[in-house]
Amino acid sequence: MATLEKIEFIKIPKVRIIGRQVSHSMEAGVENPVPALWEDSFDDGSVEKLKKLPLVIEGCTIGWMGDFDGSILSI
């Protein structure tokens, strides 16, 4: 299991968020679509394209999840 070793909170300038969105139900028995989203993102070259974009904070990438009512998951 991963352990959080360091966390920093900083103010960043206005930025554009670029990524993909997938909807997912939290109901029992519903397959998690996130692994397939990651696989597709690597297979179609999206991850490599994103890695070539300039970073606002050097060495930093951001993951985000929102609307945790089970309707939207964004990465």
PDB file of N, CA and C in Angstrom:
ATOM      1  N   MET A   1       0.842  -1.183   0.000  1.00  0.00           N
ATOM      2  CA  MET A   1       0.000   0.000   0.000  1.00  0.00           C
ATOM      3  C   MET A   1       0.885   1.242   0.000  1.00  0.00           C
ATOM      4  N   ALA A   2       0.512   2.232  -0.800  1.00  0.00           N
ATOM      5  CA  ALA A   2       1.262   3.483  -0.889  1.00  0.00           C
ATOM      6  C   ALA A   2       1.069   4.320   0.377  1.00  0.00           C
ATOM      7  N   THR A   3       2.096   5.074   0.720  1.00  0.00           N
ATOM      8  CA  THR A   3       2.054   5.951   1.883  1.00  0.00           C
ATOM      9  C   THR A   3       2.375   7.371   1.444  1.00  0.00           C
ATOM     10  N   LEU A   4       1.562   8.323   1.855  1.00  0.00           N
ATOM     11  CA  LEU A   4       1.831   9.727   1.564  1.00  0.00           C
ATOM     12  C   LEU A   4       2.988  10.174   2.436  1.00  0.00           C
ATOM     13  N   GLU A   5       4.071  10.606   1.790  1.00  0.00           N
ATOM     14  CA  GLU A   5       5.256  11.018   2.533  1.00  0.00           C
ATOM     15  C   GLU A   5       5.431  12.520   2.593  1.00  0.00           C
ATOM     16  N   LYS A   6       4.878  13.224   1.604  1.00  0.00           N
ATOM     17  CA  LYS A   6       5.044  14.672   1.573  1.00  0.00           C
ATOM     18  C   LYS A   6       3.864  15.271   0.829  1.00  0.00           C
ATOM     19  N   ILE A   7       3.370  16.393   1.323  1.00  0.00           N
ATOM     20  CA  ILE A   7       2.303  17.110   0.632  1.00  0.00           C
ATOM     21  C   ILE A   7       2.578  18.602   0.766  1.00  0.00           C
ATOM     22  N   GLU A   8       2.389  19.333  -0.331  1.00  0.00           N
ATOM     23  CA  GLU A   8       2.571  20.777  -0.327  1.00  0.00           C
ATOM     24  C   GLU A   8       1.346  21.415  -0.951  1.00  0.00           C
ATOM     25  N   PHE A   9       0.941  22.552  -0.432  1.00  0.00           N
ATOM     26  CA  PHE A   9      -0.138  23.329  -1.011  1.00  0.00           C
ATOM     27  C   PHE A   9       0.460  24.626  -1.507  1.00  0.00           C
ATOM     28  N   ILE A  10       0.271  24.901  -2.785  1.00  0.00           N
ATOM     29  CA  ILE A  10       0.820  26.122  -3.373  1.00  0.00           C
ATOM     30  C   ILE A  10      -0.248  26.773  -4.241  1.00  0.00           C
ATOM     31  N   LYS A  11      -0.118  28.077  -4.448  1.00  0.00           N
ATOM     32  CA  LYS A  11      -0.999  28.783  -5.370  1.00  0.00           C
ATOM     33  C   LYS A  11      -0.394  28.694  -6.757  1.00  0.00           C
ATOM     34  N   ILE A  12      -1.250  28.382  -7.721  1.00  0.00           N
ATOM     35  CA  ILE A  12      -0.774  28.313  -9.092  1.00  0.00           C
ATOM     36  C   ILE A  12      -1.530  29.349  -9.922  1.00  0.00           C
ATOM     37  N   PRO A  13      -0.925  29.773 -11.035  1.00  0.00           N
ATOM     38  CA  PRO A  13      -1.603  30.745 -11.896  1.00  0.00           C
ATOM     39  C   PRO A  13      -2.789  30.088 -12.591  1.00  0.00           C
ATOM     40  N   LYS A  14      -3.586  30.900 -13.276  1.00  0.00           N
ATOM     41  CA  LYS A  14      -4.673  30.346 -14.073  1.00  0.00           C
ATOM     42  C   LYS A  14      -4.078  29.392 -15.095  1.00  0.00           C
ATOM     43  N   VAL A  15      -4.661  28.218 -15.204  1.00  0.00           N
ATOM     44  CA  VAL A  15      -4.147  27.195 -16.118  1.00  0.00           C
ATOM     45  C   VAL A  15      -5.302  26.550 -16.866  1.00  0.00           C
ATOM     46  N   ARG A  16      -4.966  25.847 -17.899  1.00  0.00           N
ATOM     47  CA  ARG A  16      -5.938  25.051 -18.639  1.00  0.00           C
ATOM     48  C   ARG A  16      -5.727  23.590 -18.232  1.00  0.00           C
ATOM     49  N   ILE A  17      -6.804  22.938 -17.850  1.00  0.00           N
ATOM     50  CA  ILE A  17      -6.741  21.523 -17.492  1.00  0.00           C
ATOM     51  C   ILE A  17      -7.016  20.716 -18.748  1.00  0.00           C
ATOM     52  N   ILE A  18      -6.120  19.792 -19.070  1.00  0.00           N
ATOM     53  CA  ILE A  18      -6.275  18.940 -20.238  1.00  0.00           C
ATOM     54  C   ILE A  18      -6.310  17.501 -19.758  1.00  0.00           C
ATOM     55  N   GLY A  19      -7.321  16.784 -20.147  1.00  0.00           N
ATOM     56  CA  GLY A  19      -7.418  15.401 -19.719  1.00  0.00           C
ATOM     57  C   GLY A  19      -8.620  14.719 -20.313  1.00  0.00           C
ATOM     58  N   ARG A  20      -9.018  13.633 -19.681  1.00  0.00           N
ATOM     59  CA  ARG A  20     -10.156  12.850 -20.139  1.00  0.00           C
ATOM     60  C   ARG A  20     -11.125  12.653 -18.986  1.00  0.00           C
ATOM     61  N   GLN A  21     -12.345  12.392 -19.351  1.00  0.00           N
ATOM     62  CA  GLN A  21     -13.386  12.182 -18.348  1.00  0.00           C
ATOM     63  C   GLN A  21     -14.063  10.847 -18.604  1.00  0.00           C
ATOM     64  N   VAL A  22     -14.419  10.169 -17.530  1.00  0.00           N
ATOM     65  CA  VAL A  22     -15.176   8.936 -17.644  1.00  0.00           C
ATOM     66  C   VAL A  22     -16.231   8.928 -16.542  1.00  0.00           C
ATOM     67  N   SER A  23     -17.430   8.516 -16.887  1.00  0.00           N
ATOM     68  CA  SER A  23     -18.493   8.395 -15.887  1.00  0.00           C
ATOM     69  C   SER A  23     -18.521   6.972 -15.371  1.00  0.00           C
ATOM     70  N   HIS A  24     -18.854   6.846 -14.103  1.00  0.00           N
ATOM     71  CA  HIS A  24     -18.824   5.524 -13.481  1.00  0.00           C
ATOM     72  C   HIS A  24     -19.856   5.457 -12.371  1.00  0.00           C
ATOM     73  N   SER A  25     -20.586   4.388 -12.325  1.00  0.00           N
ATOM     74  CA  SER A  25     -21.565   4.166 -11.266  1.00  0.00           C
ATOM     75  C   SER A  25     -20.884   3.497 -10.081  1.00  0.00           C
ATOM     76  N   MET A  26     -21.290   3.861  -8.900  1.00  0.00           N
ATOM     77  CA  MET A  26     -20.747   3.246  -7.689  1.00  0.00           C
ATOM     78  C   MET A  26     -21.586   2.038  -7.256  1.00  0.00           C
ATOM     79  N   GLU A  27     -22.537   1.649  -8.083  1.00  0.00           N
ATOM     80  CA  GLU A  27     -23.388   0.504  -7.772  1.00  0.00           C
ATOM     81  C   GLU A  27     -22.558  -0.778  -7.742  1.00  0.00           C
ATOM     82  N   ALA A  28     -22.937  -1.707  -6.887  1.00  0.00           N
ATOM     83  CA  ALA A  28     -22.251  -2.993  -6.786  1.00  0.00           C
ATOM     84  C   ALA A  28     -22.353  -3.738  -8.113  1.00  0.00           C
ATOM     85  N   GLY A  29     -21.267  -4.395  -8.487  1.00  0.00           N
ATOM     86  CA  GLY A  29     -21.263  -5.209  -9.692  1.00  0.00           C
ATOM     87  C   GLY A  29     -20.986  -4.465 -10.982  1.00  0.00           C
ATOM     88  N   VAL A  30     -20.846  -3.139 -10.933  1.00  0.00           N
ATOM     89  CA  VAL A  30     -20.557  -2.360 -12.134  1.00  0.00           C
ATOM     90  C   VAL A  30     -19.045  -2.350 -12.340  1.00  0.00           C
ATOM     91  N   GLU A  31     -18.617  -2.674 -13.561  1.00  0.00           N
ATOM     92  CA  GLU A  31     -17.186  -2.728 -13.856  1.00  0.00           C
ATOM     93  C   GLU A  31     -16.563  -1.336 -13.820  1.00  0.00           C
ATOM     94  N   ASN A  32     -15.391  -1.221 -13.215  1.00  0.00           N
ATOM     95  CA  ASN A  32     -14.646   0.028 -13.121  1.00  0.00           C
ATOM     96  C   ASN A  32     -14.043   0.357 -14.491  1.00  0.00           C
ATOM     97  N   PRO A  33     -14.420   1.480 -15.115  1.00  0.00           N
ATOM     98  CA  PRO A  33     -13.913   1.816 -16.441  1.00  0.00           C
ATOM     99  C   PRO A  33     -12.536   2.487 -16.437  1.00  0.00           C
ATOM    100  N   VAL A  34     -12.015   2.823 -15.280  1.00  0.00           N
ATOM    101  CA  VAL A  34     -10.761   3.583 -15.215  1.00  0.00           C
ATOM    102  C   VAL A  34      -9.568   2.808 -15.773  1.00  0.00           C
ATOM    103  N   PRO A  35      -9.365   1.523 -15.435  1.00  0.00           N
ATOM    104  CA  PRO A  35      -8.225   0.820 -16.036  1.00  0.00           C
ATOM    105  C   PRO A  35      -8.250   0.823 -17.570  1.00  0.00           C
ATOM    106  N   ALA A  36      -9.426   0.657 -18.163  1.00  0.00           N
ATOM    107  CA  ALA A  36      -9.521   0.687 -19.630  1.00  0.00           C
ATOM    108  C   ALA A  36      -9.220   2.085 -20.166  1.00  0.00           C
ATOM    109  N   LEU A  37      -9.623   3.121 -19.434  1.00  0.00           N
ATOM    110  CA  LEU A  37      -9.324   4.495 -19.841  1.00  0.00           C
ATOM    111  C   LEU A  37      -7.812   4.717 -19.877  1.00  0.00           C
ATOM    112  N   TRP A  38      -7.119   4.252 -18.824  1.00  0.00           N
ATOM    113  CA  TRP A  38      -5.658   4.386 -18.804  1.00  0.00           C
ATOM    114  C   TRP A  38      -5.025   3.604 -19.951  1.00  0.00           C
ATOM    115  N   GLU A  39      -5.489   2.381 -20.173  1.00  0.00           N
ATOM    116  CA  GLU A  39      -4.931   1.559 -21.251  1.00  0.00           C
ATOM    117  C   GLU A  39      -5.125   2.247 -22.605  1.00  0.00           C
ATOM    118  N   ASP A  40      -6.323   2.749 -22.848  1.00  0.00           N
ATOM    119  CA  ASP A  40      -6.592   3.464 -24.101  1.00  0.00           C
ATOM    120  C   ASP A  40      -5.708   4.700 -24.234  1.00  0.00           C
ATOM    121  N   SER A  41      -5.504   5.415 -23.127  1.00  0.00           N
ATOM    122  CA  SER A  41      -4.706   6.645 -23.148  1.00  0.00           C
ATOM    123  C   SER A  41      -3.246   6.363 -23.470  1.00  0.00           C
ATOM    124  N   PHE A  42      -2.728   5.231 -23.011  1.00  0.00           N
ATOM    125  CA  PHE A  42      -1.357   4.854 -23.363  1.00  0.00           C
ATOM    126  C   PHE A  42      -1.297   4.340 -24.794  1.00  0.00           C
ATOM    127  N   ASP A  43      -2.275   3.520 -25.182  1.00  0.00           N
ATOM    128  CA  ASP A  43      -2.266   2.918 -26.518  1.00  0.00           C
ATOM    129  C   ASP A  43      -2.416   3.929 -27.636  1.00  0.00           C
ATOM    130  N   ASP A  44      -3.236   4.958 -27.448  1.00  0.00           N
ATOM    131  CA  ASP A  44      -3.462   5.918 -28.538  1.00  0.00           C
ATOM    132  C   ASP A  44      -2.474   7.082 -28.534  1.00  0.00           C
ATOM    133  N   GLY A  45      -1.508   7.069 -27.600  1.00  0.00           N
ATOM    134  CA  GLY A  45      -0.472   8.099 -27.569  1.00  0.00           C
ATOM    135  C   GLY A  45      -0.826   9.347 -26.773  1.00  0.00           C
ATOM    136  N   SER A  46      -2.011   9.377 -26.162  1.00  0.00           N
ATOM    137  CA  SER A  46      -2.432  10.561 -25.405  1.00  0.00           C
ATOM    138  C   SER A  46      -1.484  10.884 -24.260  1.00  0.00           C
ATOM    139  N   VAL A  47      -1.033   9.875 -23.541  1.00  0.00           N
ATOM    140  CA  VAL A  47      -0.159  10.113 -22.388  1.00  0.00           C
ATOM    141  C   VAL A  47       1.155  10.731 -22.847  1.00  0.00           C
ATOM    142  N   GLU A  48       1.721  10.229 -23.930  1.00  0.00           N
ATOM    143  CA  GLU A  48       2.976  10.792 -24.442  1.00  0.00           C
ATOM    144  C   GLU A  48       2.795  12.242 -24.879  1.00  0.00           C
ATOM    145  N   LYS A  49       1.665  12.556 -25.515  1.00  0.00           N
ATOM    146  CA  LYS A  49       1.395  13.933 -25.921  1.00  0.00           C
ATOM    147  C   LYS A  49       1.281  14.841 -24.704  1.00  0.00           C
ATOM    148  N   LEU A  50       0.581  14.382 -23.666  1.00  0.00           N
ATOM    149  CA  LEU A  50       0.428  15.191 -22.458  1.00  0.00           C
ATOM    150  C   LEU A  50       1.768  15.409 -21.757  1.00  0.00           C
ATOM    151  N   LYS A  51       2.618  14.389 -21.766  1.00  0.00           N
ATOM    152  CA  LYS A  51       3.926  14.512 -21.114  1.00  0.00           C
ATOM    153  C   LYS A  51       4.820  15.539 -21.809  1.00  0.00           C
ATOM    154  N   LYS A  52       4.546  15.840 -23.062  1.00  0.00           N
ATOM    155  CA  LYS A  52       5.353  16.804 -23.813  1.00  0.00           C
ATOM    156  C   LYS A  52       4.894  18.248 -23.611  1.00  0.00           C
ATOM    157  N   LEU A  53       3.720  18.437 -23.010  1.00  0.00           N
ATOM    158  CA  LEU A  53       3.229  19.794 -22.766  1.00  0.00           C
ATOM    159  C   LEU A  53       4.026  20.448 -21.633  1.00  0.00           C
ATOM    160  N   PRO A  54       4.170  21.785 -21.669  1.00  0.00           N
ATOM    161  CA  PRO A  54       4.880  22.454 -20.575  1.00  0.00           C
ATOM    162  C   PRO A  54       4.106  22.318 -19.263  1.00  0.00           C
ATOM    163  N   LEU A  55       4.842  22.155 -18.186  1.00  0.00           N
ATOM    164  CA  LEU A  55       4.232  22.026 -16.860  1.00  0.00           C
ATOM    165  C   LEU A  55       4.241  23.368 -16.144  1.00  0.00           C
ATOM    166  N   VAL A  56       3.191  23.646 -15.398  1.00  0.00           N
ATOM    167  CA  VAL A  56       3.133  24.866 -14.594  1.00  0.00           C
ATOM    168  C   VAL A  56       4.116  24.744 -13.439  1.00  0.00           C
ATOM    169  N   ILE A  57       4.185  23.568 -12.849  1.00  0.00           N
ATOM    170  CA  ILE A  57       5.104  23.292 -11.751  1.00  0.00           C
ATOM    171  C   ILE A  57       5.986  22.135 -12.204  1.00  0.00           C
ATOM    172  N   GLU A  58       7.264  22.362 -12.333  1.00  0.00           N
ATOM    173  CA  GLU A  58       8.182  21.355 -12.850  1.00  0.00           C
ATOM    174  C   GLU A  58       8.056  20.033 -12.094  1.00  0.00           C
ATOM    175  N   GLY A  59       7.934  18.949 -12.851  1.00  0.00           N
ATOM    176  CA  GLY A  59       7.872  17.617 -12.263  1.00  0.00           C
ATOM    177  C   GLY A  59       6.533  17.264 -11.629  1.00  0.00           C
ATOM    178  N   CYS A  60       5.520  18.083 -11.840  1.00  0.00           N
ATOM    179  CA  CYS A  60       4.245  17.882 -11.155  1.00  0.00           C
ATOM    180  C   CYS A  60       3.143  17.536 -12.152  1.00  0.00           C
ATOM    181  N   THR A  61       2.418  16.505 -11.857  1.00  0.00           N
ATOM    182  CA  THR A  61       1.189  16.204 -12.580  1.00  0.00           C
ATOM    183  C   THR A  61       0.070  16.151 -11.554  1.00  0.00           C
ATOM    184  N   ILE A  62      -1.154  16.278 -12.020  1.00  0.00           N
ATOM    185  CA  ILE A  62      -2.284  16.375 -11.099  1.00  0.00           C
ATOM    186  C   ILE A  62      -3.351  15.376 -11.497  1.00  0.00           C
ATOM    187  N   GLY A  63      -3.875  14.653 -10.524  1.00  0.00           N
ATOM    188  CA  GLY A  63      -5.047  13.815 -10.735  1.00  0.00           C
ATOM    189  C   GLY A  63      -6.205  14.455 -10.005  1.00  0.00           C
ATOM    190  N   TRP A  64      -7.396  14.351 -10.559  1.00  0.00           N
ATOM    191  CA  TRP A  64      -8.544  14.997  -9.926  1.00  0.00           C
ATOM    192  C   TRP A  64      -9.760  14.101 -10.041  1.00  0.00           C
ATOM    193  N   MET A  65     -10.513  14.024  -8.965  1.00  0.00           N
ATOM    194  CA  MET A  65     -11.768  13.297  -8.982  1.00  0.00           C
ATOM    195  C   MET A  65     -12.822  14.224  -8.411  1.00  0.00           C
ATOM    196  N   GLY A  66     -13.975  14.304  -9.045  1.00  0.00           N
ATOM    197  CA  GLY A  66     -14.994  15.210  -8.557  1.00  0.00           C
ATOM    198  C   GLY A  66     -16.379  14.619  -8.609  1.00  0.00           C
ATOM    199  N   ASP A  67     -17.321  15.345  -8.053  1.00  0.00           N
ATOM    200  CA  ASP A  67     -18.714  14.922  -8.009  1.00  0.00           C
ATOM    201  C   ASP A  67     -18.844  13.509  -7.466  1.00  0.00           C
ATOM    202  N   PHE A  68     -18.317  13.303  -6.289  1.00  0.00           N
ATOM    203  CA  PHE A  68     -18.293  11.938  -5.743  1.00  0.00           C
ATOM    204  C   PHE A  68     -19.675  11.473  -5.285  1.00  0.00           C
ATOM    205  N   ASP A  69     -20.636  11.685  -6.145  1.00  0.00           N
ATOM    206  CA  ASP A  69     -21.944  11.065  -5.935  1.00  0.00           C
ATOM    207  C   ASP A  69     -22.034   9.825  -6.802  1.00  0.00           C
ATOM    208  N   GLY A  70     -20.883   9.470  -7.391  1.00  0.00           N
ATOM    209  CA  GLY A  70     -20.822   8.287  -8.227  1.00  0.00           C
ATOM    210  C   GLY A  70     -21.061   8.560  -9.690  1.00  0.00           C
ATOM    211  N   SER A  71     -21.266   9.820 -10.068  1.00  0.00           N
ATOM    212  CA  SER A  71     -21.618  10.070 -11.461  1.00  0.00           C
ATOM    213  C   SER A  71     -20.451  10.475 -12.346  1.00  0.00           C
ATOM    214  N   ILE A  72     -19.397  11.111 -11.798  1.00  0.00           N
ATOM    215  CA  ILE A  72     -18.306  11.571 -12.640  1.00  0.00           C
ATOM    216  C   ILE A  72     -16.971  11.279 -11.976  1.00  0.00           C
ATOM    217  N   LEU A  73     -16.051  10.756 -12.754  1.00  0.00           N
ATOM    218  CA  LEU A  73     -14.680  10.559 -12.308  1.00  0.00           C
ATOM    219  C   LEU A  73     -13.803  11.088 -13.416  1.00  0.00           C
ATOM    220  N   SER A  74     -12.928  12.032 -13.113  1.00  0.00           N
ATOM    221  CA  SER A  74     -12.048  12.616 -14.121  1.00  0.00           C
ATOM    222  C   SER A  74     -10.602  12.341 -13.756  1.00  0.00           C
ATOM    223  N   ILE A  75      -9.773  12.092 -14.803  1.00  0.00           N
ATOM    224  CA  ILE A  75      -8.345  11.929 -14.581  1.00  0.00           C
ATOM    225  C   ILE A  75      -7.592  12.753 -15.582  1.00  0.00           C
TER     226      ILE A  75
END
